[in-house]
C-alpha atoms as a PDB file:
ATOM      1  CA  UNK A   1       5.876 -12.238  77.542  1.00  0.00           C
ATOM      2  CA  UNK A   2       6.668 -10.435  74.316  1.00  0.00           C
ATOM      3  CA  UNK A   3       5.688  -6.829  73.649  1.00  0.00           C
ATOM      4  CA  UNK A   4       4.874  -5.630  70.185  1.00  0.00           C
ATOM      5  CA  UNK A   5       6.775  -2.318  70.132  1.00  0.00           C
ATOM      6  CA  UNK A   6       9.107  -0.710  72.650  1.00  0.00           C
ATOM      7  CA  UNK A   7      10.150   2.883  72.194  1.00  0.00           C
ATOM      8  CA  UNK A   8      13.872   3.379  72.834  1.00  0.00           C
ATOM      9  CA  UNK A   9      14.652   7.032  73.476  1.00  0.00           C
ATOM     10  CA  UNK A  10      18.367   7.799  73.249  1.00  0.00           C
ATOM     11  CA  UNK A  11      19.034  10.593  75.752  1.00  0.00           C
ATOM     12  CA  UNK A  12      22.347   9.694  77.418  1.00  0.00           C
ATOM     13  CA  UNK A  13      24.732  12.170  75.818  1.00  0.00           C
ATOM     14  CA  UNK A  14      26.393  15.145  77.443  1.00  0.00           C
ATOM     15  CA  UNK A  15      25.240  17.530  74.702  1.00  0.00           C
ATOM     16  CA  UNK A  16      28.738  18.947  74.356  1.00  0.00           C
ATOM     17  CA  UNK A  17      27.954  21.084  71.287  1.00  0.00           C
ATOM     18  CA  UNK A  18      24.596  22.057  72.772  1.00  0.00           C
ATOM     19  CA  UNK A  19      26.130  23.118  76.075  1.00  0.00           C
ATOM     20  CA  UNK A  20      24.302  20.711  78.389  1.00  0.00           C
ATOM     21  CA  UNK A  21      22.633  17.293  78.280  1.00  0.00           C
ATOM     22  CA  UNK A  22      19.710  17.536  75.867  1.00  0.00           C
ATOM     23  CA  UNK A  23      17.546  15.345  78.079  1.00  0.00           C
ATOM     24  CA  UNK A  24      17.352  18.394  80.372  1.00  0.00           C
ATOM     25  CA  UNK A  25      16.682  20.919  77.560  1.00  0.00           C
ATOM     26  CA  UNK A  26      13.865  23.365  78.086  1.00  0.00           C
ATOM     27  CA  UNK A  27      13.233  22.051  81.601  1.00  0.00           C
ATOM     28  CA  UNK A  28      12.675  18.529  80.264  1.00  0.00           C
ATOM     29  CA  UNK A  29      10.174  19.536  77.564  1.00  0.00           C
ATOM     30  CA  UNK A  30      12.063  17.673  74.813  1.00  0.00           C
ATOM     31  CA  UNK A  31      12.053  14.529  76.962  1.00  0.00           C
ATOM     32  CA  UNK A  32       8.321  14.777  77.635  1.00  0.00           C
ATOM     33  CA  UNK A  33       7.494  15.427  73.970  1.00  0.00           C
ATOM     34  CA  UNK A  34       9.587  12.486  72.757  1.00  0.00           C
ATOM     35  CA  UNK A  35       8.125  10.040  75.284  1.00  0.00           C
ATOM     36  CA  UNK A  36       4.601  11.170  74.406  1.00  0.00           C
ATOM     37  CA  UNK A  37       5.302  10.807  70.667  1.00  0.00           C
ATOM     38  CA  UNK A  38       6.486   7.221  71.196  1.00  0.00           C
ATOM     39  CA  UNK A  39       3.522   6.318  73.427  1.00  0.00           C
ATOM     40  CA  UNK A  40       0.896   7.961  71.219  1.00  0.00           C
ATOM     41  CA  UNK A  41       2.607   6.608  68.086  1.00  0.00           C
ATOM     42  CA  UNK A  42       2.010   2.985  69.073  1.00  0.00           C
ATOM     43  CA  UNK A  43       4.716   1.873  71.493  1.00  0.00           C
ATOM     44  CA  UNK A  44       3.568  -0.442  74.269  1.00  0.00           C
ATOM     45  CA  UNK A  45       6.398   0.701  76.515  1.00  0.00           C
ATOM     46  CA  UNK A  46       9.071   3.419  76.401  1.00  0.00           C
ATOM     47  CA  UNK A  47      12.589   3.183  77.803  1.00  0.00           C
ATOM     48  CA  UNK A  48      14.667   6.332  78.167  1.00  0.00           C
ATOM     49  CA  UNK A  49      18.400   5.693  78.003  1.00  0.00           C
ATOM     50  CA  UNK A  50      20.222   8.041  80.390  1.00  0.00           C
ATOM     51  CA  UNK A  51      23.897   8.614  81.082  1.00  0.00           C
ATOM     52  CA  UNK A  52      25.445  12.083  81.407  1.00  0.00           C
ATOM     53  CA  UNK A  53      22.468  13.393  83.359  1.00  0.00           C
ATOM     54  CA  UNK A  54      20.102  11.495  85.539  1.00  0.00           C
ATOM     55  CA  UNK A  55      16.562  12.799  85.685  1.00  0.00           C
ATOM     56  CA  UNK A  56      13.124  11.488  86.369  1.00  0.00           C
ATOM     57  CA  UNK A  57      11.303  10.263  83.303  1.00  0.00           C
ATOM     58  CA  UNK A  58       7.666  10.957  82.450  1.00  0.00           C
ATOM     59  CA  UNK A  59       4.899   8.616  83.481  1.00  0.00           C
ATOM     60  CA  UNK A  60       4.647   5.769  81.022  1.00  0.00           C
ATOM     61  CA  UNK A  61       8.421   5.476  80.625  1.00  0.00           C
ATOM     62  CA  UNK A  62      11.228   3.737  82.474  1.00  0.00           C
ATOM     63  CA  UNK A  63      14.840   4.840  82.773  1.00  0.00           C
ATOM     64  CA  UNK A  64      17.754   2.658  81.701  1.00  0.00           C
ATOM     65  CA  UNK A  65      21.334   3.666  82.428  1.00  0.00           C
ATOM     66  CA  UNK A  66      24.042   3.344  79.778  1.00  0.00           C
ATOM     67  CA  UNK A  67      27.053   3.074  82.104  1.00  0.00           C
ATOM     68  CA  UNK A  68      29.485   3.576  79.214  1.00  0.00           C
ATOM     69  CA  UNK A  69      27.568   6.487  77.658  1.00  0.00           C
ATOM     70  CA  UNK A  70      30.842   8.422  77.162  1.00  0.00           C
ATOM     71  CA  UNK A  71      31.650   6.042  74.277  1.00  0.00           C
ATOM     72  CA  UNK A  72      28.939   7.683  72.194  1.00  0.00           C
ATOM     73  CA  UNK A  73      25.531   6.920  70.806  1.00  0.00           C
ATOM     74  CA  UNK A  74      26.498   3.301  70.199  1.00  0.00           C
ATOM     75  CA  UNK A  75      26.608   2.640  73.954  1.00  0.00           C
ATOM     76  CA  UNK A  76      23.158   4.158  74.428  1.00  0.00           C
ATOM     77  CA  UNK A  77      21.819   2.263  71.425  1.00  0.00           C
ATOM     78  CA  UNK A  78      23.062  -1.073  72.773  1.00  0.00           C
ATOM     79  CA  UNK A  79      21.645  -0.360  76.254  1.00  0.00           C
ATOM     80  CA  UNK A  80      18.291   0.546  74.737  1.00  0.00           C
ATOM     81  CA  UNK A  81      18.100  -2.554  72.555  1.00  0.00           C
ATOM     82  CA  UNK A  82      18.994  -4.712  75.545  1.00  0.00           C
ATOM     83  CA  UNK A  83      16.112  -3.145  77.485  1.00  0.00           C
ATOM     84  CA  UNK A  84      13.771  -3.914  74.564  1.00  0.00           C
ATOM     85  CA  UNK A  85      15.020  -7.478  74.081  1.00  0.00           C
ATOM     86  CA  UNK A  86      11.569  -9.092  74.405  1.00  0.00           C
ATOM     87  CA  UNK A  87       9.912  -6.764  71.894  1.00  0.00           C
ATOM     88  CA  UNK A  88       8.841  -7.596  68.392  1.00  0.00           C
ATOM     89  CA  UNK A  89      10.034  -4.115  67.352  1.00  0.00           C
ATOM     90  CA  UNK A  90      12.228  -1.377  68.807  1.00  0.00           C
ATOM     91  CA  UNK A  91      11.345   2.168  67.785  1.00  0.00           C
ATOM     92  CA  UNK A  92      14.640   4.019  68.227  1.00  0.00           C
ATOM     93  CA  UNK A  93      14.260   7.757  68.652  1.00  0.00           C
ATOM     94  CA  UNK A  94      16.461  10.638  69.832  1.00  0.00           C
ATOM     95  CA  UNK A  95      15.612  13.314  72.370  1.00  0.00           C
ATOM     96  CA  UNK A  96      16.819  16.269  70.282  1.00  0.00           C
ATOM     97  CA  UNK A  97      14.193  16.204  67.507  1.00  0.00           C
ATOM     98  CA  UNK A  98      11.348  17.910  69.369  1.00  0.00           C
ATOM     99  CA  UNK A  99       9.058  18.415  66.392  1.00  0.00           C
ATOM    100  CA  UNK A 100       8.747  14.683  65.708  1.00  0.00           C
ATOM    101  CA  UNK A 101       5.341  13.640  66.944  1.00  0.00           C
ATOM    102  CA  UNK A 102       3.145  10.554  67.064  1.00  0.00           C
ATOM    103  CA  UNK A 103       2.181  10.732  63.369  1.00  0.00           C
ATOM    104  CA  UNK A 104       5.816  10.175  62.405  1.00  0.00           C
ATOM    105  CA  UNK A 105       6.262   7.352  64.915  1.00  0.00           C
ATOM    106  CA  UNK A 106       3.061   5.619  63.792  1.00  0.00           C
ATOM    107  CA  UNK A 107       3.926   5.850  60.086  1.00  0.00           C
ATOM    108  CA  UNK A 108       7.435   4.448  60.564  1.00  0.00           C
ATOM    109  CA  UNK A 109       6.231   1.700  62.900  1.00  0.00           C
ATOM    110  CA  UNK A 110       3.481   0.671  60.470  1.00  0.00           C
ATOM    111  CA  UNK A 111       5.974   0.550  57.589  1.00  0.00           C
ATOM    112  CA  UNK A 112       8.245  -1.858  59.480  1.00  0.00           C
ATOM    113  CA  UNK A 113       5.702  -4.657  59.011  1.00  0.00           C
ATOM    114  CA  UNK A 114       6.894  -5.005  55.408  1.00  0.00           C
ATOM    115  CA  UNK A 115      10.580  -5.895  55.994  1.00  0.00           C
ATOM    116  CA  UNK A 116      11.253  -5.437  59.708  1.00  0.00           C
ATOM    117  CA  UNK A 117      13.311  -2.287  59.041  1.00  0.00           C
ATOM    118  CA  UNK A 118      12.074   1.243  58.485  1.00  0.00           C
ATOM    119  CA  UNK A 119      13.186   4.781  59.098  1.00  0.00           C
ATOM    120  CA  UNK A 120      11.823   8.273  58.893  1.00  0.00           C
ATOM    121  CA  UNK A 121      13.148  10.519  56.166  1.00  0.00           C
ATOM    122  CA  UNK A 122      12.549  14.246  55.971  1.00  0.00           C
ATOM    123  CA  UNK A 123      12.707  15.719  52.468  1.00  0.00           C
ATOM    124  CA  UNK A 124      14.748  12.649  51.542  1.00  0.00           C
ATOM    125  CA  UNK A 125      17.189  13.059  54.470  1.00  0.00           C
ATOM    126  CA  UNK A 126      17.417  10.036  56.812  1.00  0.00           C
ATOM    127  CA  UNK A 127      16.402  10.709  60.388  1.00  0.00           C
ATOM    128  CA  UNK A 128      14.622   9.284  63.428  1.00  0.00           C
ATOM    129  CA  UNK A 129      12.802   7.257  64.459  1.00  0.00           C
ATOM    130  CA  UNK A 130      14.251   4.037  63.129  1.00  0.00           C
ATOM    131  CA  UNK A 131      12.349   0.789  63.607  1.00  0.00           C
ATOM    132  CA  UNK A 132      14.093  -2.568  63.925  1.00  0.00           C
ATOM    133  CA  UNK A 133      12.401  -5.954  64.198  1.00  0.00           C
ATOM    134  CA  UNK A 134      13.707  -8.096  67.044  1.00  0.00           C
ATOM    135  CA  UNK A 135      15.479 -10.435  64.619  1.00  0.00           C
ATOM    136  CA  UNK A 136      17.816  -7.525  63.781  1.00  0.00           C
ATOM    137  CA  UNK A 137      18.692  -6.443  67.351  1.00  0.00           C
ATOM    138  CA  UNK A 138      21.883  -8.492  67.732  1.00  0.00           C
ATOM    139  CA  UNK A 139      23.368  -7.568  64.351  1.00  0.00           C
ATOM    140  CA  UNK A 140      22.441  -3.896  64.751  1.00  0.00           C
ATOM    141  CA  UNK A 141      23.970  -3.748  68.238  1.00  0.00           C
ATOM    142  CA  UNK A 142      27.140  -5.485  67.033  1.00  0.00           C
ATOM    143  CA  UNK A 143      27.568  -2.979  64.182  1.00  0.00           C
ATOM    144  CA  UNK A 144      27.180   0.090  66.411  1.00  0.00           C
ATOM    145  CA  UNK A 145      30.359   2.012  67.184  1.00  0.00           C
ATOM    146  CA  UNK A 146      31.313   5.430  68.508  1.00  0.00           C
ATOM    147  CA  UNK A 147      28.614   7.984  67.780  1.00  0.00           C
ATOM    148  CA  UNK A 148      26.788   5.695  65.382  1.00  0.00           C
ATOM    149  CA  UNK A 149      23.871   3.569  66.531  1.00  0.00           C
ATOM    150  CA  UNK A 150      22.039   1.806  63.700  1.00  0.00           C
ATOM    151  CA  UNK A 151      23.713   3.793  60.917  1.00  0.00           C
ATOM    152  CA  UNK A 152      26.323   1.188  59.985  1.00  0.00           C
ATOM    153  CA  UNK A 153      23.758  -1.614  60.124  1.00  0.00           C
ATOM    154  CA  UNK A 154      21.294   0.235  57.886  1.00  0.00           C
ATOM    155  CA  UNK A 155      23.837   1.557  55.373  1.00  0.00           C
ATOM    156  CA  UNK A 156      23.546  -0.032  51.952  1.00  0.00           C
ATOM    157  CA  UNK A 157      20.641  -2.342  52.834  1.00  0.00           C
ATOM    158  CA  UNK A 158      17.866  -2.565  50.278  1.00  0.00           C
ATOM    159  CA  UNK A 159      15.263  -3.801  52.777  1.00  0.00           C
ATOM    160  CA  UNK A 160      14.959  -0.565  54.795  1.00  0.00           C
ATOM    161  CA  UNK A 161      11.612   1.084  54.113  1.00  0.00           C
ATOM    162  CA  UNK A 162      12.107   4.861  53.922  1.00  0.00           C
ATOM    163  CA  UNK A 163       9.017   6.712  55.129  1.00  0.00           C
ATOM    164  CA  UNK A 164       8.780  10.323  53.995  1.00  0.00           C
ATOM    165  CA  UNK A 165       7.613  12.294  57.037  1.00  0.00           C
ATOM    166  CA  UNK A 166       8.183  15.928  56.069  1.00  0.00           C
ATOM    167  CA  UNK A 167       4.426  16.489  55.974  1.00  0.00           C
ATOM    168  CA  UNK A 168       4.459  16.147  59.788  1.00  0.00           C
ATOM    169  CA  UNK A 169       7.871  17.392  60.943  1.00  0.00           C
ATOM    170  CA  UNK A 170      11.281  18.702  59.933  1.00  0.00           C
ATOM    171  CA  UNK A 171      13.155  15.988  61.854  1.00  0.00           C
ATOM    172  CA  UNK A 172      15.961  18.465  62.505  1.00  0.00           C
ATOM    173  CA  UNK A 173      18.132  17.491  65.435  1.00  0.00           C
ATOM    174  CA  UNK A 174      19.234  20.382  67.577  1.00  0.00           C
ATOM    175  CA  UNK A 175      22.968  20.224  68.202  1.00  0.00           C
ATOM    176  CA  UNK A 176      23.344  23.889  69.112  1.00  0.00           C
ATOM    177  CA  UNK A 177      21.267  26.330  71.153  1.00  0.00           C
END
């Protein structure tokens, strides 16, 4: 059975610059906020991609392990898309943007209906979440490498709907404490 939208939360990294895995930041508050944003923003299911740190995930989410997480975000991205393989859309989000809430997720998910590709932008700066229609999963996963998930796939495409979201959040990812 197909699901409409699956939230894919990338949270497998070691957080080297941050000093610890970000999935554990603030006693798991970033994890809880991101899962809630995906659920309240319209995702039928949420998968949390883990790797460097294993932790319990909030109710309403399931954990997926990226066994090769050390290879970078691309490994987490591929594991997350594989876990969402039956979905019409994957809403790819990252754990280290704690001010991104359900309004951002909903707006970007709604915009994907136009072309099957959308992404949040904050004051014109590309950010997360990124929404991919299922027909793009294989090509997006194949283009991912190192610390780049969908970036290479999205670069230069004219069918990606950019959704300005600065009215709701900064979208700043926290790489340092």
